[in-house]
Amino acid sequence: MQKIQRPIIYFLIFATMFVLGGIQNTKGLILEKVQTDINLDLSQVGIMVSVFQVGFLLASLVAGIFADRKGIKAVMTLGTILMIIGLIGTGSAYTVAFFLGFYLIVGVGIGSMTVSVATLIPTYFKERSGVVFNLANALFGVGMIVTPLVLNAIFSHNISWRAFYIGVAVVIAIILAALMMFKPEQRAATEGQDKVSLMSVARLFKDRQILYVILFILFYVAAEAGFLNFFPIFYTSLDIAGMDAAQKASTAAYIIASFAFLFTIGRFVGGFIIYKLGERRTLIGFSVFALLALILGRLLVVNASYLMMLFGLALSVLFPTAQGIASKLTKQAGSLQGVIYVASGLGGAVVGLLIGEISDAFGIQHGFNLIFVFTAIITVLAMLIRTPKQEETKTAA
């Protein structure tokens, strides 16, 4: 790799992950404002969440193959342009239809950029890809921490959520400018472009262990997205003595930020935890931890709401650990990355529809309880997943 390209690649990876983390962790806070701004009911909020994830899903279906055929730079350029258009359009929308349309574009852009970064890291950091993945996920977490606090400060000064989305579009334009200076190596740009197809992706599902991992990721994302998107609405609906709506909204924002802080701490130390426990034990242990943290937090949500943030710590290592196990189960790493993000997109889409519809019919507290079901499912799946023999032998030694 040329020395002049290395700083550009680092910037593209870390800046992109920071922005993606910020957008991911502010969807619930933004939608709570959009709900009153353009008069949405809870069912429509659920549709908004699902539309975003459907956009992510559509991008994930084709971005991995497109990156292999046309190159990482082409996919990432398309993703940044779509995000800029989508964010500006969403921030300017005053009707449900226009908001939905541009929100879908944002989801497609984020899906393209996420798959691009996931492909960029192993392409240019083969020997240290694990380290760079951990750092990238940590920057994702930093974005999750900082952005809700910035957004809360913006709201406290009566600045609209629309201005926030326009500002994020400007930041992504800077990433696009850096991307234009990125010159991929010819080998990296063309390697394997004739080897990836939809049929090769479909064949991955014949492996039972890969199927377990994909289902694990689907329900993991459903649990995480459900919490991040619906906890602010759930918490503000509670009858808490001595707290008005503004105080509850502020507390919910703080809990979301604290969730993200613990989530990031977990990602920073995740590599050490896996080294000590092994991937399978880590997956099982933290899945059980997540279920217990969620149960305890829900039981004490009125008097000790901050216990909910432990759910973030428990979830932190699950996705990268599952990804790590999956990468050892097949040599088709590129195809599997696309499938993994398809699963994550489906998980987010399903949770939006289910929680939205159940909340609209029976109340947000019943809808929020679906997150318990998703977390219980990933705990069972974690116990079914087996790591390759080599890794198990190494851990035992």
Protein backbone atom coordinates (compact mmCIF):
# COMPACT_ATOMS: atom_id res chain seq x y z
CA MET A 1 0.00 0.00 0.00
CA GLN A 2 1.37 3.45 -0.89
CA LYS A 3 2.20 5.52 2.18
CA ILE A 4 0.13 8.46 0.98
CA GLN A 5 -2.94 6.19 0.70
CA ARG A 6 -2.75 4.84 4.25
CA PRO A 7 -3.93 8.05 6.02
CA ILE A 8 -6.77 8.38 3.50
CA ILE A 9 -7.89 4.79 4.11
CA TYR A 10 -7.75 5.27 7.89
CA PHE A 11 -9.81 8.45 7.57
CA LEU A 12 -12.37 6.76 5.32
CA ILE A 13 -12.78 3.84 7.73
CA PHE A 14 -12.86 5.72 11.02
CA ALA A 15 -14.74 8.85 9.91
CA THR A 16 -17.36 6.73 8.15
CA MET A 17 -17.84 4.47 11.17
CA PHE A 18 -18.13 7.51 13.47
CA VAL A 19 -20.86 9.02 11.28
CA LEU A 20 -22.69 5.70 10.89
CA GLY A 21 -22.67 5.20 14.66
CA GLY A 22 -24.06 8.69 15.19
CA ILE A 23 -26.88 8.21 12.70
CA GLN A 24 -27.72 4.76 14.08
CA ASN A 25 -27.99 5.98 17.67
CA THR A 26 -30.04 9.10 16.98
CA LYS A 27 -32.81 7.55 14.87
CA GLY A 28 -35.04 7.08 17.91
CA LEU A 29 -34.41 10.61 19.19
CA ILE A 30 -35.02 12.09 15.73
CA LEU A 31 -38.17 10.06 15.12
CA GLU A 32 -39.58 11.21 18.47
CA LYS A 33 -39.35 14.79 17.14
CA VAL A 34 -40.56 13.84 13.67
CA GLN A 35 -43.56 12.14 15.30
CA THR A 36 -44.87 15.51 16.52
CA ASP A 37 -43.47 17.60 13.65
CA ILE A 38 -45.35 15.85 10.85
CA ASN A 39 -48.05 14.18 12.97
CA LEU A 40 -47.16 10.47 12.94
CA ASP A 41 -48.84 7.74 14.97
CA LEU A 42 -46.84 4.86 16.46
CA SER A 43 -47.66 2.58 13.54
CA GLN A 44 -46.18 5.12 11.12
CA VAL A 45 -43.09 5.46 13.31
CA GLY A 46 -42.66 1.71 13.02
CA ILE A 47 -43.00 1.99 9.23
CA MET A 48 -40.30 4.71 9.22
CA VAL A 49 -37.90 2.41 11.09
CA SER A 50 -38.68 -0.44 8.71
CA VAL A 51 -38.28 1.73 5.59
CA PHE A 52 -34.82 2.78 6.78
CA GLN A 53 -33.83 -0.85 7.33
CA VAL A 54 -35.33 -1.96 4.01
CA GLY A 55 -33.06 0.57 2.30
CA PHE A 56 -30.12 -0.87 4.21
CA LEU A 57 -31.21 -4.37 3.21
CA LEU A 58 -31.49 -3.53 -0.49
CA ALA A 59 -27.99 -2.06 -0.49
CA SER A 60 -26.57 -5.07 1.36
CA LEU A 61 -28.04 -7.46 -1.21
CA VAL A 62 -25.97 -5.98 -4.02
CA ALA A 63 -23.15 -3.92 -2.48
CA GLY A 64 -20.83 -6.86 -1.73
CA ILE A 65 -21.11 -8.30 -5.24
CA PHE A 66 -20.93 -4.82 -6.79
CA ALA A 67 -17.76 -4.07 -4.79
CA ASP A 68 -16.12 -7.26 -6.10
CA ARG A 69 -17.08 -6.46 -9.68
CA LYS A 70 -16.63 -2.68 -9.84
CA GLY A 71 -14.36 -1.95 -6.88
CA ILE A 72 -14.75 -0.63 -3.34
CA LYS A 73 -14.36 3.01 -4.36
CA ALA A 74 -17.33 2.85 -6.76
CA VAL A 75 -19.65 1.41 -4.09
CA MET A 76 -18.52 3.82 -1.39
CA THR A 77 -18.86 6.81 -3.72
CA LEU A 78 -22.41 5.80 -4.58
CA GLY A 79 -23.20 5.32 -0.89
CA THR A 80 -21.91 8.76 0.17
CA ILE A 81 -23.78 10.53 -2.64
CA LEU A 82 -27.02 8.74 -1.75
CA MET A 83 -26.59 9.62 1.93
CA ILE A 84 -26.05 13.31 1.13
CA ILE A 85 -29.15 13.38 -1.08
CA GLY A 86 -31.21 11.39 1.43
CA LEU A 87 -30.24 13.48 4.48
CA ILE A 88 -30.85 16.81 2.72
CA GLY A 89 -34.17 15.52 1.38
CA THR A 90 -35.25 14.10 4.75
CA GLY A 91 -34.32 17.34 6.52
CA SER A 92 -36.42 19.27 4.00
CA ALA A 93 -39.46 16.96 4.00
CA TYR A 94 -42.75 18.18 5.48
CA THR A 95 -44.99 15.30 4.40
CA VAL A 96 -44.96 11.62 5.34
CA ALA A 97 -44.50 10.47 1.74
CA PHE A 98 -41.44 12.64 1.09
CA PHE A 99 -39.90 11.73 4.44
CA LEU A 100 -40.38 8.02 3.72
CA GLY A 101 -38.84 8.29 0.27
CA PHE A 102 -35.72 10.14 1.37
CA TYR A 103 -35.38 8.00 4.52
CA LEU A 104 -35.26 4.96 2.23
CA ILE A 105 -32.41 6.62 0.28
CA VAL A 106 -30.52 7.25 3.54
CA GLY A 107 -30.85 3.56 4.40
CA VAL A 108 -29.51 2.53 0.98
CA GLY A 109 -26.57 4.91 1.39
CA ILE A 110 -25.71 3.62 4.85
CA GLY A 111 -25.95 0.01 3.68
CA SER A 112 -23.55 0.70 0.80
CA MET A 113 -21.06 2.50 3.03
CA THR A 114 -21.19 -0.17 5.75
CA VAL A 115 -20.49 -3.02 3.34
CA SER A 116 -17.74 -0.92 1.72
CA VAL A 117 -15.93 -0.42 5.03
CA ALA A 118 -16.36 -4.11 5.91
CA THR A 119 -14.72 -4.99 2.58
CA LEU A 120 -12.08 -2.25 2.76
CA ILE A 121 -10.60 -3.47 6.07
CA PRO A 122 -9.69 -7.06 5.12
CA THR A 123 -8.60 -5.91 1.65
CA TYR A 124 -5.95 -3.47 2.91
CA PHE A 125 -5.23 -4.78 6.42
CA LYS A 126 -5.13 -8.56 5.95
CA GLU A 127 -2.59 -9.21 8.70
CA ARG A 128 -4.14 -6.80 11.21
CA SER A 129 -7.75 -6.83 10.10
CA GLY A 130 -8.94 -7.86 13.58
CA VAL A 131 -7.26 -4.88 15.19
CA VAL A 132 -8.64 -2.45 12.59
CA PHE A 133 -12.14 -3.98 12.87
CA ASN A 134 -12.05 -3.44 16.65
CA LEU A 135 -10.87 0.16 16.25
CA ALA A 136 -13.51 0.79 13.60
CA ASN A 137 -16.24 -0.59 15.85
CA ALA A 138 -14.88 1.54 18.69
CA LEU A 139 -15.19 4.67 16.52
CA PHE A 140 -18.72 3.54 15.67
CA GLY A 141 -19.37 3.49 19.41
CA VAL A 142 -17.79 6.92 19.92
CA GLY A 143 -20.21 8.23 17.30
CA MET A 144 -23.04 6.57 19.22
CA ILE A 145 -21.92 8.33 22.42
CA VAL A 146 -21.15 11.83 21.17
CA THR A 147 -23.93 12.36 18.66
CA PRO A 148 -26.95 11.95 21.01
CA LEU A 149 -25.33 14.40 23.43
CA VAL A 150 -24.78 16.89 20.61
CA LEU A 151 -28.35 16.35 19.43
CA ASN A 152 -29.71 16.88 22.94
CA ALA A 153 -27.74 20.15 23.18
CA ILE A 154 -29.15 21.21 19.79
CA PHE A 155 -32.70 20.51 20.96
CA SER A 156 -32.10 22.42 24.22
CA HIS A 157 -31.34 25.51 22.12
CA ASN A 158 -34.56 25.03 20.11
CA ILE A 159 -32.68 24.10 16.94
CA SER A 160 -34.63 21.76 14.68
CA TRP A 161 -33.70 18.16 13.92
CA ARG A 162 -33.71 19.29 10.28
CA ALA A 163 -30.60 21.41 10.83
CA PHE A 164 -28.89 18.40 12.38
CA TYR A 165 -29.48 16.23 9.29
CA ILE A 166 -28.23 19.00 6.98
CA GLY A 167 -25.09 19.26 9.13
CA VAL A 168 -24.48 15.50 8.89
CA ALA A 169 -24.80 15.77 5.09
CA VAL A 170 -21.97 18.34 5.13
CA VAL A 171 -19.75 15.97 7.15
CA ILE A 172 -20.42 13.17 4.64
CA ALA A 173 -19.50 15.57 1.81
CA ILE A 174 -16.05 15.87 3.47
CA ILE A 175 -15.77 12.07 3.49
CA LEU A 176 -16.69 12.08 -0.21
CA ALA A 177 -13.91 14.61 -0.89
CA ALA A 178 -11.39 12.31 0.82
CA LEU A 179 -12.76 9.36 -1.13
CA MET A 180 -12.04 11.17 -4.39
CA MET A 181 -8.33 11.21 -3.42
CA PHE A 182 -8.34 7.47 -2.72
CA LYS A 183 -6.65 5.44 -5.47
CA PRO A 184 -7.25 1.71 -4.89
CA GLU A 185 -4.56 -0.75 -5.84
CA GLN A 186 -5.26 -2.44 -9.17
CA ARG A 187 -5.02 -5.91 -7.59
CA ALA A 188 -7.47 -5.02 -4.82
CA ALA A 189 -9.84 -3.44 -7.29
CA THR A 190 -10.05 -6.45 -9.58
CA GLU A 191 -9.33 -9.47 -7.39
CA GLY A 192 -12.09 -12.09 -7.44
CA GLN A 193 -14.52 -10.08 -9.54
CA ASP A 194 -15.54 -13.13 -11.56
CA LYS A 195 -15.89 -15.47 -8.59
CA VAL A 196 -18.85 -13.93 -6.78
CA SER A 197 -22.46 -14.49 -7.83
CA LEU A 198 -25.91 -14.79 -6.34
CA MET A 199 -25.65 -18.57 -6.59
CA SER A 200 -22.45 -18.63 -4.54
CA VAL A 201 -24.22 -16.54 -1.90
CA ALA A 202 -27.23 -18.90 -1.87
CA ARG A 203 -24.98 -21.92 -1.35
CA LEU A 204 -23.79 -20.51 1.98
CA PHE A 205 -27.17 -21.35 3.54
CA LYS A 206 -26.51 -25.08 3.13
CA ASP A 207 -24.10 -24.93 6.07
CA ARG A 208 -26.12 -25.25 9.30
CA GLN A 209 -23.57 -23.37 11.38
CA ILE A 210 -23.54 -20.43 8.95
CA LEU A 211 -27.34 -20.45 9.10
CA TYR A 212 -27.25 -20.30 12.92
CA VAL A 213 -24.84 -17.35 12.79
CA ILE A 214 -26.99 -15.51 10.25
CA LEU A 215 -30.12 -16.03 12.38
CA PHE A 216 -28.17 -14.92 15.45
CA ILE A 217 -27.22 -11.66 13.73
CA LEU A 218 -30.78 -11.11 12.51
CA PHE A 219 -32.29 -11.35 16.00
CA TYR A 220 -29.34 -9.53 17.59
CA VAL A 221 -29.98 -6.51 15.35
CA ALA A 222 -33.70 -6.77 16.08
CA ALA A 223 -32.95 -6.51 19.83
CA GLU A 224 -30.43 -3.68 19.46
CA ALA A 225 -32.45 -1.65 16.93
CA GLY A 226 -35.63 -2.19 18.92
CA PHE A 227 -34.01 -0.78 22.04
CA LEU A 228 -32.33 2.20 20.37
CA ASN A 229 -35.40 3.18 18.32
CA PHE A 230 -38.18 2.59 20.83
CA PHE A 231 -36.68 3.08 24.30
CA PRO A 232 -37.05 6.91 24.18
CA ILE A 233 -40.72 6.56 23.21
CA PHE A 234 -41.24 3.79 25.80
CA TYR A 235 -39.59 5.75 28.62
CA THR A 236 -41.43 9.01 27.92
CA SER A 237 -44.72 7.06 28.04
CA LEU A 238 -44.11 5.97 31.66
CA ASP A 239 -45.87 7.67 34.56
CA ILE A 240 -42.91 8.71 36.73
CA ALA A 241 -43.57 10.88 39.78
CA GLY A 242 -41.80 14.24 39.71
CA MET A 243 -40.84 14.10 36.03
CA ASP A 244 -42.48 15.99 33.18
CA ALA A 245 -42.22 15.04 29.49
CA ALA A 246 -39.10 17.15 28.88
CA GLN A 247 -37.27 15.61 31.86
CA LYS A 248 -38.16 12.09 30.75
CA ALA A 249 -36.96 12.84 27.21
CA SER A 250 -33.69 14.20 28.59
CA THR A 251 -33.22 11.12 30.81
CA ALA A 252 -33.95 8.81 27.88
CA ALA A 253 -31.31 10.60 25.79
CA TYR A 254 -28.78 10.24 28.61
CA ILE A 255 -29.53 6.52 28.97
CA ILE A 256 -29.11 6.02 25.21
CA ALA A 257 -25.75 7.87 25.34
CA SER A 258 -24.66 5.79 28.37
CA PHE A 259 -25.76 2.62 26.58
CA ALA A 260 -23.48 3.66 23.70
CA PHE A 261 -20.59 4.49 26.07
CA LEU A 262 -20.66 1.01 27.64
CA PHE A 263 -21.17 -0.45 24.18
CA THR A 264 -17.94 1.24 23.06
CA ILE A 265 -16.00 0.15 26.15
CA GLY A 266 -17.06 -3.41 25.43
CA ARG A 267 -15.86 -3.12 21.83
CA PHE A 268 -12.47 -1.75 22.97
CA VAL A 269 -11.88 -4.71 25.32
CA GLY A 270 -13.72 -7.28 23.19
CA GLY A 271 -10.55 -8.64 21.62
CA PHE A 272 -9.02 -9.30 25.05
CA ILE A 273 -12.23 -11.00 26.26
CA ILE A 274 -12.31 -13.28 23.22
CA TYR A 275 -8.62 -14.11 23.68
CA LYS A 276 -9.28 -15.23 27.29
CA LEU A 277 -12.63 -16.97 26.87
CA GLY A 278 -12.71 -18.04 23.24
CA GLU A 279 -15.33 -16.97 20.72
CA ARG A 280 -18.05 -19.48 21.63
CA ARG A 281 -17.86 -18.88 25.40
CA THR A 282 -17.89 -15.14 24.80
CA LEU A 283 -20.95 -15.44 22.56
CA ILE A 284 -22.87 -17.56 25.08
CA GLY A 285 -21.79 -15.62 28.18
CA PHE A 286 -22.64 -12.19 26.83
CA SER A 287 -25.94 -13.37 25.32
CA VAL A 288 -27.03 -14.58 28.77
CA PHE A 289 -25.71 -11.32 30.27
CA ALA A 290 -27.81 -9.33 27.79
CA LEU A 291 -30.99 -11.20 28.69
CA LEU A 292 -30.42 -10.78 32.44
CA ALA A 293 -29.55 -7.07 32.06
CA LEU A 294 -32.70 -6.44 30.04
CA ILE A 295 -34.94 -8.25 32.54
CA LEU A 296 -33.43 -6.43 35.53
CA GLY A 297 -33.56 -3.05 33.77
CA ARG A 298 -37.23 -3.51 32.80
CA LEU A 299 -38.27 -4.53 36.31
CA LEU A 300 -36.57 -1.48 37.86
CA VAL A 301 -37.04 1.00 35.01
CA VAL A 302 -39.00 3.52 37.12
CA ASN A 303 -36.75 3.60 40.18
CA ALA A 304 -33.40 2.61 38.64
CA SER A 305 -33.69 3.38 34.93
CA TYR A 306 -29.92 3.60 34.46
CA LEU A 307 -29.66 -0.18 34.78
CA MET A 308 -30.91 -0.27 31.20
CA MET A 309 -27.50 0.93 30.03
CA LEU A 310 -25.98 -2.44 31.03
CA PHE A 311 -27.81 -3.89 28.04
CA GLY A 312 -25.37 -1.94 25.86
CA LEU A 313 -22.34 -3.49 27.55
CA ALA A 314 -23.80 -6.97 27.15
CA LEU A 315 -24.54 -6.46 23.44
CA SER A 316 -21.19 -4.86 22.62
CA VAL A 317 -19.14 -7.95 21.72
CA LEU A 318 -21.90 -10.11 20.20
CA PHE A 319 -21.94 -8.84 16.60
CA PRO A 320 -18.13 -8.82 16.00
CA THR A 321 -17.78 -12.17 17.77
CA ALA A 322 -20.46 -13.73 15.56
CA GLN A 323 -18.76 -12.16 12.52
CA GLY A 324 -15.45 -13.63 13.61
CA ILE A 325 -16.94 -17.11 13.96
CA ALA A 326 -18.64 -16.82 10.56
CA SER A 327 -15.38 -15.84 8.83
CA LYS A 328 -13.87 -19.16 9.95
CA LEU A 329 -16.74 -21.20 8.55
CA THR A 330 -16.19 -20.40 4.86
CA LYS A 331 -13.59 -19.12 2.40
CA GLN A 332 -16.22 -16.93 0.71
CA ALA A 333 -15.59 -14.01 3.05
CA GLY A 334 -16.90 -11.34 0.67
CA SER A 335 -20.16 -13.10 -0.05
CA LEU A 336 -20.67 -13.79 3.64
CA GLN A 337 -20.20 -10.11 4.53
CA GLY A 338 -23.11 -9.28 2.24
CA VAL A 339 -25.29 -12.00 3.76
CA ILE A 340 -24.44 -10.82 7.29
CA TYR A 341 -25.56 -7.28 6.52
CA VAL A 342 -28.68 -8.57 4.77
CA ALA A 343 -29.50 -10.39 8.01
CA SER A 344 -28.87 -7.24 10.02
CA GLY A 345 -31.11 -5.25 7.67
CA LEU A 346 -33.88 -7.82 7.97
CA GLY A 347 -33.58 -7.75 11.75
CA GLY A 348 -34.02 -4.00 11.82
CA ALA A 349 -36.92 -4.09 9.35
CA VAL A 350 -38.78 -6.81 11.26
CA VAL A 351 -38.44 -5.07 14.61
CA GLY A 352 -39.80 -1.79 13.27
CA LEU A 353 -42.96 -3.40 11.92
CA LEU A 354 -43.59 -5.71 14.87
CA ILE A 355 -43.00 -3.24 17.69
CA GLY A 356 -44.76 -0.44 15.81
CA GLU A 357 -47.89 -2.46 15.09
CA ILE A 358 -48.11 -4.06 18.54
CA SER A 359 -47.48 -0.70 20.23
CA ASP A 360 -50.22 0.92 18.17
CA ALA A 361 -52.66 -1.88 19.04
CA PHE A 362 -51.78 -2.62 22.68
CA GLY A 363 -49.51 0.19 23.85
CA ILE A 364 -45.78 0.92 23.68
CA GLN A 365 -45.02 -1.05 26.86
CA HIS A 366 -46.27 -4.30 25.27
CA GLY A 367 -44.44 -3.52 22.04
CA PHE A 368 -41.18 -2.86 23.90
CA ASN A 369 -41.45 -6.24 25.60
CA LEU A 370 -40.79 -7.95 22.24
CA ILE A 371 -37.12 -7.10 22.77
CA PHE A 372 -37.11 -9.77 25.52
CA VAL A 373 -38.19 -12.36 22.95
CA PHE A 374 -35.44 -11.39 20.51
CA THR A 375 -32.78 -11.49 23.23
CA ALA A 376 -33.96 -14.92 24.43
CA ILE A 377 -33.74 -16.25 20.86
CA ILE A 378 -30.12 -15.10 20.42
CA THR A 379 -29.24 -16.77 23.73
CA VAL A 380 -30.55 -20.10 22.44
CA LEU A 381 -28.80 -19.65 19.08
CA ALA A 382 -25.51 -18.82 20.82
CA MET A 383 -25.64 -22.23 22.49
CA LEU A 384 -26.20 -23.93 19.12
CA ILE A 385 -23.28 -22.22 17.34
CA ARG A 386 -20.04 -24.17 17.23
CA THR A 387 -16.64 -22.68 16.45
CA PRO A 388 -14.13 -24.52 14.20
CA LYS A 389 -12.12 -27.30 15.85
CA GLN A 390 -8.86 -25.38 15.55
CA GLU A 391 -10.12 -22.48 17.67
CA GLU A 392 -11.65 -24.77 20.29
CA THR A 393 -8.41 -26.72 20.61
CA LYS A 394 -6.40 -23.52 20.97
CA THR A 395 -8.71 -22.24 23.72
CA ALA A 396 -8.56 -25.54 25.60
CA ALA A 397 -4.77 -25.45 25.47
